[in-house]
């Protein structure tokens, strides 16, 4: 009797709720679309067409491409966490992550067709700094970003200072613009290990033949990376009130002055 006549909750139609939410996003008012996706409706549908026709983005069995692109834009526009998107879109976090990365790969693949950086024109003091390093294309370094992790993960994210952090590698050009960023490495990871991953992964750092980056003494000197002389004064604050006394010190001073570009960029972000 209880099973037959007990008032049950109505079955939830997740697909209907999902469809209504998505329609409000990109088929509702122009204002809502711009506020939520940072694109007009016309721009959104043009983006969908470009990513499908030129980028090769294909729909999956359960998620049409416009819906995948909506989730991608919504996450970027408001820095949403997957658990928030899961509640709004009625999708699993695994599906959201997979769809986000599918769209991201296509966008990155097509970025070269739309991003056109002008050649670097150095002026003033920057000419003197980089002029000593022929064929150099920039500077590379790593920075530790403080994070809070669970006690279980703390040992692998604990850096040399005993703090929890994530190790971020970045490279910049002569014009003080980032040209490559690799986040997410554990704070316990050494600089050389992170650099090896940068050169071997799928989206690796591309270094043209004969070119090189300036790096600090934490790395190994080689054809693509130029380090300062070890055991010789290097950091800029050590040169205050002093002048180079040897060719090694002179080289290190010029090296530190140019490589300081990446430290300045990290300083701006922090």
C-alpha atoms as a PDB file:
ATOM      1  CA  UNK A   1       0.000   0.000   0.000  1.00  0.00           C
ATOM      2  CA  UNK A   2       2.788   2.406   0.929  1.00  0.00           C
ATOM      3  CA  UNK A   3       4.653   1.812  -2.342  1.00  0.00           C
ATOM      4  CA  UNK A   4       1.517   2.237  -4.467  1.00  0.00           C
ATOM      5  CA  UNK A   5       0.019   5.309  -2.843  1.00  0.00           C
ATOM      6  CA  UNK A   6       2.958   7.173  -1.322  1.00  0.00           C
ATOM      7  CA  UNK A   7       3.259  10.625  -2.917  1.00  0.00           C
ATOM      8  CA  UNK A   8       6.492  10.492  -4.893  1.00  0.00           C
ATOM      9  CA  UNK A   9       8.513  13.442  -6.097  1.00  0.00           C
ATOM     10  CA  UNK A  10       7.984  14.143  -9.786  1.00  0.00           C
ATOM     11  CA  UNK A  11      10.688  12.910 -12.153  1.00  0.00           C
ATOM     12  CA  UNK A  12      13.180  15.688 -12.901  1.00  0.00           C
ATOM     13  CA  UNK A  13      13.595  16.410 -16.600  1.00  0.00           C
ATOM     14  CA  UNK A  14      17.273  17.406 -16.683  1.00  0.00           C
ATOM     15  CA  UNK A  15      17.333  17.767 -20.460  1.00  0.00           C
ATOM     16  CA  UNK A  16      14.424  20.203 -20.437  1.00  0.00           C
ATOM     17  CA  UNK A  17      16.020  22.260 -17.667  1.00  0.00           C
ATOM     18  CA  UNK A  18      19.367  22.227 -19.474  1.00  0.00           C
ATOM     19  CA  UNK A  19      17.783  23.340 -22.738  1.00  0.00           C
ATOM     20  CA  UNK A  20      15.913  26.172 -21.055  1.00  0.00           C
ATOM     21  CA  UNK A  21      19.053  27.460 -19.354  1.00  0.00           C
ATOM     22  CA  UNK A  22      21.095  27.386 -22.571  1.00  0.00           C
ATOM     23  CA  UNK A  23      18.355  29.037 -24.603  1.00  0.00           C
ATOM     24  CA  UNK A  24      18.276  31.905 -22.129  1.00  0.00           C
ATOM     25  CA  UNK A  25      22.025  32.355 -22.603  1.00  0.00           C
ATOM     26  CA  UNK A  26      22.374  32.559 -26.364  1.00  0.00           C
ATOM     27  CA  UNK A  27      18.792  32.853 -27.620  1.00  0.00           C
ATOM     28  CA  UNK A  28      17.535  35.314 -25.031  1.00  0.00           C
ATOM     29  CA  UNK A  29      18.087  39.045 -25.051  1.00  0.00           C
ATOM     30  CA  UNK A  30      21.189  40.642 -26.530  1.00  0.00           C
ATOM     31  CA  UNK A  31      22.003  42.123 -23.127  1.00  0.00           C
ATOM     32  CA  UNK A  32      21.900  38.742 -21.358  1.00  0.00           C
ATOM     33  CA  UNK A  33      24.143  37.159 -23.985  1.00  0.00           C
ATOM     34  CA  UNK A  34      26.752  39.912 -23.703  1.00  0.00           C
ATOM     35  CA  UNK A  35      26.683  39.931 -19.896  1.00  0.00           C
ATOM     36  CA  UNK A  36      26.968  36.156 -19.569  1.00  0.00           C
ATOM     37  CA  UNK A  37      29.176  35.181 -22.538  1.00  0.00           C
ATOM     38  CA  UNK A  38      30.889  38.531 -23.284  1.00  0.00           C
ATOM     39  CA  UNK A  39      29.729  38.208 -26.903  1.00  0.00           C
ATOM     40  CA  UNK A  40      26.768  39.452 -28.884  1.00  0.00           C
ATOM     41  CA  UNK A  41      24.444  36.785 -30.252  1.00  0.00           C
ATOM     42  CA  UNK A  42      25.672  37.384 -33.787  1.00  0.00           C
ATOM     43  CA  UNK A  43      29.308  37.097 -32.678  1.00  0.00           C
ATOM     44  CA  UNK A  44      28.519  33.910 -30.771  1.00  0.00           C
ATOM     45  CA  UNK A  45      26.966  32.146 -33.751  1.00  0.00           C
ATOM     46  CA  UNK A  46      29.813  33.316 -35.989  1.00  0.00           C
ATOM     47  CA  UNK A  47      32.282  31.864 -33.486  1.00  0.00           C
ATOM     48  CA  UNK A  48      30.407  28.555 -33.509  1.00  0.00           C
ATOM     49  CA  UNK A  49      30.535  28.450 -37.306  1.00  0.00           C
ATOM     50  CA  UNK A  50      34.265  29.256 -37.432  1.00  0.00           C
ATOM     51  CA  UNK A  51      35.210  26.681 -34.799  1.00  0.00           C
ATOM     52  CA  UNK A  52      33.224  23.997 -36.595  1.00  0.00           C
ATOM     53  CA  UNK A  53      34.046  24.769 -40.225  1.00  0.00           C
ATOM     54  CA  UNK A  54      37.641  25.951 -39.901  1.00  0.00           C
ATOM     55  CA  UNK A  55      38.715  24.529 -36.563  1.00  0.00           C
ATOM     56  CA  UNK A  56      37.205  21.080 -36.982  1.00  0.00           C
ATOM     57  CA  UNK A  57      35.271  21.114 -33.705  1.00  0.00           C
ATOM     58  CA  UNK A  58      32.733  18.266 -33.794  1.00  0.00           C
ATOM     59  CA  UNK A  59      29.809  17.489 -31.565  1.00  0.00           C
ATOM     60  CA  UNK A  60      29.795  14.543 -29.220  1.00  0.00           C
ATOM     61  CA  UNK A  61      26.905  12.155 -28.774  1.00  0.00           C
ATOM     62  CA  UNK A  62      25.319  14.117 -25.937  1.00  0.00           C
ATOM     63  CA  UNK A  63      26.722  17.641 -26.270  1.00  0.00           C
ATOM     64  CA  UNK A  64      26.173  19.707 -29.455  1.00  0.00           C
ATOM     65  CA  UNK A  65      29.000  22.081 -30.339  1.00  0.00           C
ATOM     66  CA  UNK A  66      27.076  25.323 -29.519  1.00  0.00           C
ATOM     67  CA  UNK A  67      26.446  24.038 -25.992  1.00  0.00           C
ATOM     68  CA  UNK A  68      30.107  23.084 -25.547  1.00  0.00           C
ATOM     69  CA  UNK A  69      31.153  26.553 -26.713  1.00  0.00           C
ATOM     70  CA  UNK A  70      28.649  28.185 -24.338  1.00  0.00           C
ATOM     71  CA  UNK A  71      30.146  26.327 -21.379  1.00  0.00           C
ATOM     72  CA  UNK A  72      33.647  27.292 -22.518  1.00  0.00           C
ATOM     73  CA  UNK A  73      32.772  30.991 -22.818  1.00  0.00           C
ATOM     74  CA  UNK A  74      30.783  31.042 -19.584  1.00  0.00           C
ATOM     75  CA  UNK A  75      33.712  29.581 -17.623  1.00  0.00           C
ATOM     76  CA  UNK A  76      36.180  32.076 -19.092  1.00  0.00           C
ATOM     77  CA  UNK A  77      33.871  35.078 -18.766  1.00  0.00           C
ATOM     78  CA  UNK A  78      33.266  34.604 -15.045  1.00  0.00           C
ATOM     79  CA  UNK A  79      36.135  32.340 -13.910  1.00  0.00           C
ATOM     80  CA  UNK A  80      33.605  29.684 -12.900  1.00  0.00           C
ATOM     81  CA  UNK A  81      34.534  26.511 -11.066  1.00  0.00           C
ATOM     82  CA  UNK A  82      33.445  23.190 -12.542  1.00  0.00           C
ATOM     83  CA  UNK A  83      31.188  22.499  -9.556  1.00  0.00           C
ATOM     84  CA  UNK A  84      29.285  25.739 -10.278  1.00  0.00           C
ATOM     85  CA  UNK A  85      28.954  24.882 -13.967  1.00  0.00           C
ATOM     86  CA  UNK A  86      27.845  21.372 -13.017  1.00  0.00           C
ATOM     87  CA  UNK A  87      24.906  22.778 -11.076  1.00  0.00           C
ATOM     88  CA  UNK A  88      23.876  25.260 -13.800  1.00  0.00           C
ATOM     89  CA  UNK A  89      24.284  23.002 -16.835  1.00  0.00           C
ATOM     90  CA  UNK A  90      23.242  19.715 -15.216  1.00  0.00           C
ATOM     91  CA  UNK A  91      26.365  17.991 -16.528  1.00  0.00           C
ATOM     92  CA  UNK A  92      29.018  15.947 -14.774  1.00  0.00           C
ATOM     93  CA  UNK A  93      32.350  17.583 -13.990  1.00  0.00           C
ATOM     94  CA  UNK A  94      34.043  15.011 -16.223  1.00  0.00           C
ATOM     95  CA  UNK A  95      31.872  16.048 -19.187  1.00  0.00           C
ATOM     96  CA  UNK A  96      32.442  19.738 -18.499  1.00  0.00           C
ATOM     97  CA  UNK A  97      36.221  19.265 -18.284  1.00  0.00           C
ATOM     98  CA  UNK A  98      36.339  17.222 -21.491  1.00  0.00           C
ATOM     99  CA  UNK A  99      34.194  19.671 -23.461  1.00  0.00           C
ATOM    100  CA  UNK A 100      36.121  22.695 -22.162  1.00  0.00           C
ATOM    101  CA  UNK A 101      39.453  21.205 -23.213  1.00  0.00           C
ATOM    102  CA  UNK A 102      38.105  20.122 -26.612  1.00  0.00           C
ATOM    103  CA  UNK A 103      37.065  23.698 -27.385  1.00  0.00           C
ATOM    104  CA  UNK A 104      40.287  25.094 -25.895  1.00  0.00           C
ATOM    105  CA  UNK A 105      42.446  22.912 -28.162  1.00  0.00           C
ATOM    106  CA  UNK A 106      40.610  24.136 -31.254  1.00  0.00           C
ATOM    107  CA  UNK A 107      40.874  27.776 -30.159  1.00  0.00           C
ATOM    108  CA  UNK A 108      44.605  27.413 -29.523  1.00  0.00           C
ATOM    109  CA  UNK A 109      45.101  25.701 -32.873  1.00  0.00           C
ATOM    110  CA  UNK A 110      43.383  28.582 -34.666  1.00  0.00           C
ATOM    111  CA  UNK A 111      45.011  31.351 -32.635  1.00  0.00           C
ATOM    112  CA  UNK A 112      47.873  31.724 -35.132  1.00  0.00           C
ATOM    113  CA  UNK A 113      45.341  32.688 -37.816  1.00  0.00           C
ATOM    114  CA  UNK A 114      43.986  35.585 -35.760  1.00  0.00           C
ATOM    115  CA  UNK A 115      46.780  36.781 -33.456  1.00  0.00           C
ATOM    116  CA  UNK A 116      49.328  38.850 -35.320  1.00  0.00           C
ATOM    117  CA  UNK A 117      52.026  40.325 -33.108  1.00  0.00           C
ATOM    118  CA  UNK A 118      54.017  43.154 -34.604  1.00  0.00           C
ATOM    119  CA  UNK A 119      57.816  42.815 -34.744  1.00  0.00           C
ATOM    120  CA  UNK A 120      59.565  44.035 -31.630  1.00  0.00           C
ATOM    121  CA  UNK A 121      61.109  47.502 -31.945  1.00  0.00           C
ATOM    122  CA  UNK A 122      63.437  48.141 -29.013  1.00  0.00           C
ATOM    123  CA  UNK A 123      64.011  51.684 -27.846  1.00  0.00           C
ATOM    124  CA  UNK A 124      66.218  53.492 -25.357  1.00  0.00           C
ATOM    125  CA  UNK A 125      67.780  51.462 -22.565  1.00  0.00           C
ATOM    126  CA  UNK A 126      66.252  48.208 -23.837  1.00  0.00           C
ATOM    127  CA  UNK A 127      68.444  48.414 -26.951  1.00  0.00           C
ATOM    128  CA  UNK A 128      71.572  48.462 -24.795  1.00  0.00           C
ATOM    129  CA  UNK A 129      70.395  45.584 -22.598  1.00  0.00           C
ATOM    130  CA  UNK A 130      69.600  43.136 -25.375  1.00  0.00           C
ATOM    131  CA  UNK A 131      72.169  44.360 -27.881  1.00  0.00           C
ATOM    132  CA  UNK A 132      74.904  42.276 -26.230  1.00  0.00           C
ATOM    133  CA  UNK A 133      73.038  39.028 -26.892  1.00  0.00           C
ATOM    134  CA  UNK A 134      72.805  38.345 -30.604  1.00  0.00           C
ATOM    135  CA  UNK A 135      70.046  35.910 -31.640  1.00  0.00           C
ATOM    136  CA  UNK A 136      68.543  35.999 -28.124  1.00  0.00           C
ATOM    137  CA  UNK A 137      64.725  35.915 -28.215  1.00  0.00           C
ATOM    138  CA  UNK A 138      63.917  36.615 -24.566  1.00  0.00           C
ATOM    139  CA  UNK A 139      64.214  35.436 -20.977  1.00  0.00           C
ATOM    140  CA  UNK A 140      62.820  32.435 -19.110  1.00  0.00           C
ATOM    141  CA  UNK A 141      62.279  31.797 -15.410  1.00  0.00           C
ATOM    142  CA  UNK A 142      59.982  30.161 -12.891  1.00  0.00           C
ATOM    143  CA  UNK A 143      57.956  31.619 -10.040  1.00  0.00           C
ATOM    144  CA  UNK A 144      56.298  30.002  -7.040  1.00  0.00           C
ATOM    145  CA  UNK A 145      52.675  31.034  -6.543  1.00  0.00           C
ATOM    146  CA  UNK A 146      51.378  30.412  -2.975  1.00  0.00           C
ATOM    147  CA  UNK A 147      48.434  28.008  -2.792  1.00  0.00           C
ATOM    148  CA  UNK A 148      46.463  26.176  -0.121  1.00  0.00           C
ATOM    149  CA  UNK A 149      46.342  22.395  -0.492  1.00  0.00           C
ATOM    150  CA  UNK A 150      45.037  19.484   1.543  1.00  0.00           C
ATOM    151  CA  UNK A 151      47.338  17.873   4.138  1.00  0.00           C
ATOM    152  CA  UNK A 152      47.544  14.815   1.879  1.00  0.00           C
ATOM    153  CA  UNK A 153      48.959  16.859  -1.038  1.00  0.00           C
ATOM    154  CA  UNK A 154      51.109  19.199   1.027  1.00  0.00           C
ATOM    155  CA  UNK A 155      54.386  17.195   0.736  1.00  0.00           C
ATOM    156  CA  UNK A 156      54.483  17.408  -3.073  1.00  0.00           C
ATOM    157  CA  UNK A 157      53.483  21.090  -3.146  1.00  0.00           C
ATOM    158  CA  UNK A 158      55.920  22.087  -0.402  1.00  0.00           C
ATOM    159  CA  UNK A 159      58.739  24.221  -1.835  1.00  0.00           C
ATOM    160  CA  UNK A 160      62.270  24.771  -0.508  1.00  0.00           C
ATOM    161  CA  UNK A 161      61.017  27.400   1.934  1.00  0.00           C
ATOM    162  CA  UNK A 162      58.512  24.967   3.424  1.00  0.00           C
ATOM    163  CA  UNK A 163      55.472  26.740   1.963  1.00  0.00           C
ATOM    164  CA  UNK A 164      52.773  25.300  -0.290  1.00  0.00           C
ATOM    165  CA  UNK A 165      53.082  26.606  -3.837  1.00  0.00           C
ATOM    166  CA  UNK A 166      52.686  25.809  -7.507  1.00  0.00           C
ATOM    167  CA  UNK A 167      55.679  26.242  -9.804  1.00  0.00           C
ATOM    168  CA  UNK A 168      54.920  28.342 -12.897  1.00  0.00           C
ATOM    169  CA  UNK A 169      57.383  28.556 -15.800  1.00  0.00           C
ATOM    170  CA  UNK A 170      57.145  31.536 -18.138  1.00  0.00           C
ATOM    171  CA  UNK A 171      59.097  32.983 -21.053  1.00  0.00           C
ATOM    172  CA  UNK A 172      58.918  36.527 -22.370  1.00  0.00           C
ATOM    173  CA  UNK A 173      60.169  38.230 -25.508  1.00  0.00           C
ATOM    174  CA  UNK A 174      62.399  41.245 -25.854  1.00  0.00           C
ATOM    175  CA  UNK A 175      59.292  43.452 -25.806  1.00  0.00           C
ATOM    176  CA  UNK A 176      58.251  42.333 -22.291  1.00  0.00           C
ATOM    177  CA  UNK A 177      55.319  40.234 -23.502  1.00  0.00           C
ATOM    178  CA  UNK A 178      54.692  36.681 -22.332  1.00  0.00           C
ATOM    179  CA  UNK A 179      55.179  34.186 -25.149  1.00  0.00           C
ATOM    180  CA  UNK A 180      54.817  30.956 -23.157  1.00  0.00           C
ATOM    181  CA  UNK A 181      53.406  29.988 -19.745  1.00  0.00           C
ATOM    182  CA  UNK A 182      53.338  26.541 -18.139  1.00  0.00           C
ATOM    183  CA  UNK A 183      51.421  26.461 -14.815  1.00  0.00           C
ATOM    184  CA  UNK A 184      50.376  23.719 -12.398  1.00  0.00           C
ATOM    185  CA  UNK A 185      53.691  22.079 -11.532  1.00  0.00           C
ATOM    186  CA  UNK A 186      54.098  21.136  -7.853  1.00  0.00           C
ATOM    187  CA  UNK A 187      56.163  23.445  -5.674  1.00  0.00           C
ATOM    188  CA  UNK A 188      58.596  20.613  -4.910  1.00  0.00           C
ATOM    189  CA  UNK A 189      59.509  20.212  -8.602  1.00  0.00           C
ATOM    190  CA  UNK A 190      62.973  21.436  -9.552  1.00  0.00           C
ATOM    191  CA  UNK A 191      63.573  24.027 -12.258  1.00  0.00           C
ATOM    192  CA  UNK A 192      65.325  21.591 -14.619  1.00  0.00           C
ATOM    193  CA  UNK A 193      62.514  19.054 -14.337  1.00  0.00           C
ATOM    194  CA  UNK A 194      59.886  21.648 -15.214  1.00  0.00           C
ATOM    195  CA  UNK A 195      61.981  22.875 -18.151  1.00  0.00           C
ATOM    196  CA  UNK A 196      62.352  19.335 -19.537  1.00  0.00           C
ATOM    197  CA  UNK A 197      58.587  18.948 -19.459  1.00  0.00           C
ATOM    198  CA  UNK A 198      58.233  22.295 -21.244  1.00  0.00           C
ATOM    199  CA  UNK A 199      60.350  21.018 -24.137  1.00  0.00           C
ATOM    200  CA  UNK A 200      58.731  17.567 -24.426  1.00  0.00           C
ATOM    201  CA  UNK A 201      55.014  18.076 -23.889  1.00  0.00           C
ATOM    202  CA  UNK A 202      52.472  18.328 -26.714  1.00  0.00           C
ATOM    203  CA  UNK A 203      52.132  22.117 -26.467  1.00  0.00           C
ATOM    204  CA  UNK A 204      55.845  22.607 -25.972  1.00  0.00           C
ATOM    205  CA  UNK A 205      57.943  25.749 -26.017  1.00  0.00           C
ATOM    206  CA  UNK A 206      59.187  26.217 -29.581  1.00  0.00           C
ATOM    207  CA  UNK A 207      62.701  27.669 -29.897  1.00  0.00           C
ATOM    208  CA  UNK A 208      63.855  28.428 -33.462  1.00  0.00           C
ATOM    209  CA  UNK A 209      67.176  26.957 -34.559  1.00  0.00           C
ATOM    210  CA  UNK A 210      70.077  29.168 -33.556  1.00  0.00           C
ATOM    211  CA  UNK A 211      68.003  31.177 -31.052  1.00  0.00           C
ATOM    212  CA  UNK A 212      68.134  31.036 -27.278  1.00  0.00           C
ATOM    213  CA  UNK A 213      66.691  32.358 -23.994  1.00  0.00           C
ATOM    214  CA  UNK A 214      68.539  33.921 -21.079  1.00  0.00           C
ATOM    215  CA  UNK A 215      68.105  31.865 -17.884  1.00  0.00           C
ATOM    216  CA  UNK A 216      69.566  31.972 -14.384  1.00  0.00           C
ATOM    217  CA  UNK A 217      72.172  29.636 -12.887  1.00  0.00           C
ATOM    218  CA  UNK A 218      69.479  27.199 -11.747  1.00  0.00           C
ATOM    219  CA  UNK A 219      69.426  25.776 -15.272  1.00  0.00           C
ATOM    220  CA  UNK A 220      72.055  24.038 -17.392  1.00  0.00           C
ATOM    221  CA  UNK A 221      73.904  26.051 -20.014  1.00  0.00           C
ATOM    222  CA  UNK A 222      73.267  24.810 -23.552  1.00  0.00           C
ATOM    223  CA  UNK A 223      72.525  25.717 -27.195  1.00  0.00           C
ATOM    224  CA  UNK A 224      69.014  27.031 -26.403  1.00  0.00           C
ATOM    225  CA  UNK A 225      69.597  28.453 -22.917  1.00  0.00           C
ATOM    226  CA  UNK A 226      72.366  30.830 -21.871  1.00  0.00           C
ATOM    227  CA  UNK A 227      73.239  30.954 -18.163  1.00  0.00           C
ATOM    228  CA  UNK A 228      75.569  33.326 -16.256  1.00  0.00           C
ATOM    229  CA  UNK A 229      78.984  32.324 -14.951  1.00  0.00           C
ATOM    230  CA  UNK A 230      78.663  30.385 -11.702  1.00  0.00           C
ATOM    231  CA  UNK A 231      80.510  31.489  -8.601  1.00  0.00           C
ATOM    232  CA  UNK A 232      80.603  35.076  -9.848  1.00  0.00           C
ATOM    233  CA  UNK A 233      78.582  38.082  -8.674  1.00  0.00           C
ATOM    234  CA  UNK A 234      75.318  38.149 -10.603  1.00  0.00           C
ATOM    235  CA  UNK A 235      72.142  39.674  -9.134  1.00  0.00           C
ATOM    236  CA  UNK A 236      71.547  43.346  -9.864  1.00  0.00           C
ATOM    237  CA  UNK A 237      71.327  44.433  -6.228  1.00  0.00           C
ATOM    238  CA  UNK A 238      74.873  43.130  -5.776  1.00  0.00           C
ATOM    239  CA  UNK A 239      76.173  45.684  -8.266  1.00  0.00           C
ATOM    240  CA  UNK A 240      74.995  48.774  -6.417  1.00  0.00           C
ATOM    241  CA  UNK A 241      78.068  50.940  -5.894  1.00  0.00           C
ATOM    242  CA  UNK A 242      80.317  48.369  -7.604  1.00  0.00           C
ATOM    243  CA  UNK A 243      81.809  47.961 -11.074  1.00  0.00           C
ATOM    244  CA  UNK A 244      82.827  44.731 -12.850  1.00  0.00           C
ATOM    245  CA  UNK A 245      86.381  43.627 -12.113  1.00  0.00           C
ATOM    246  CA  UNK A 246      86.660  40.854 -14.724  1.00  0.00           C
ATOM    247  CA  UNK A 247      85.145  39.747 -18.011  1.00  0.00           C
ATOM    248  CA  UNK A 248      83.004  37.214 -16.132  1.00  0.00           C
ATOM    249  CA  UNK A 249      81.543  39.897 -13.892  1.00  0.00           C
ATOM    250  CA  UNK A 250      80.928  42.147 -16.890  1.00  0.00           C
ATOM    251  CA  UNK A 251      79.116  39.329 -18.698  1.00  0.00           C
ATOM    252  CA  UNK A 252      77.012  38.534 -15.635  1.00  0.00           C
ATOM    253  CA  UNK A 253      76.039  42.181 -15.181  1.00  0.00           C
ATOM    254  CA  UNK A 254      74.840  42.432 -18.774  1.00  0.00           C
ATOM    255  CA  UNK A 255      73.123  39.052 -18.506  1.00  0.00           C
ATOM    256  CA  UNK A 256      71.284  40.044 -15.302  1.00  0.00           C
ATOM    257  CA  UNK A 257      70.220  43.407 -16.756  1.00  0.00           C
ATOM    258  CA  UNK A 258      68.577  41.745 -19.762  1.00  0.00           C
ATOM    259  CA  UNK A 259      67.160  38.691 -17.973  1.00  0.00           C
ATOM    260  CA  UNK A 260      65.555  41.004 -15.419  1.00  0.00           C
ATOM    261  CA  UNK A 261      62.734  41.432 -17.957  1.00  0.00           C
ATOM    262  CA  UNK A 262      61.023  38.205 -16.881  1.00  0.00           C
ATOM    263  CA  UNK A 263      61.395  39.091 -13.187  1.00  0.00           C
ATOM    264  CA  UNK A 264      59.791  42.470 -13.853  1.00  0.00           C
ATOM    265  CA  UNK A 265      56.829  40.753 -15.514  1.00  0.00           C
ATOM    266  CA  UNK A 266      56.405  38.359 -12.590  1.00  0.00           C
ATOM    267  CA  UNK A 267      56.585  41.343 -10.254  1.00  0.00           C
ATOM    268  CA  UNK A 268      53.750  43.072 -12.105  1.00  0.00           C
ATOM    269  CA  UNK A 269      51.547  39.977 -11.819  1.00  0.00           C
ATOM    270  CA  UNK A 270      52.271  39.451  -8.142  1.00  0.00           C
END
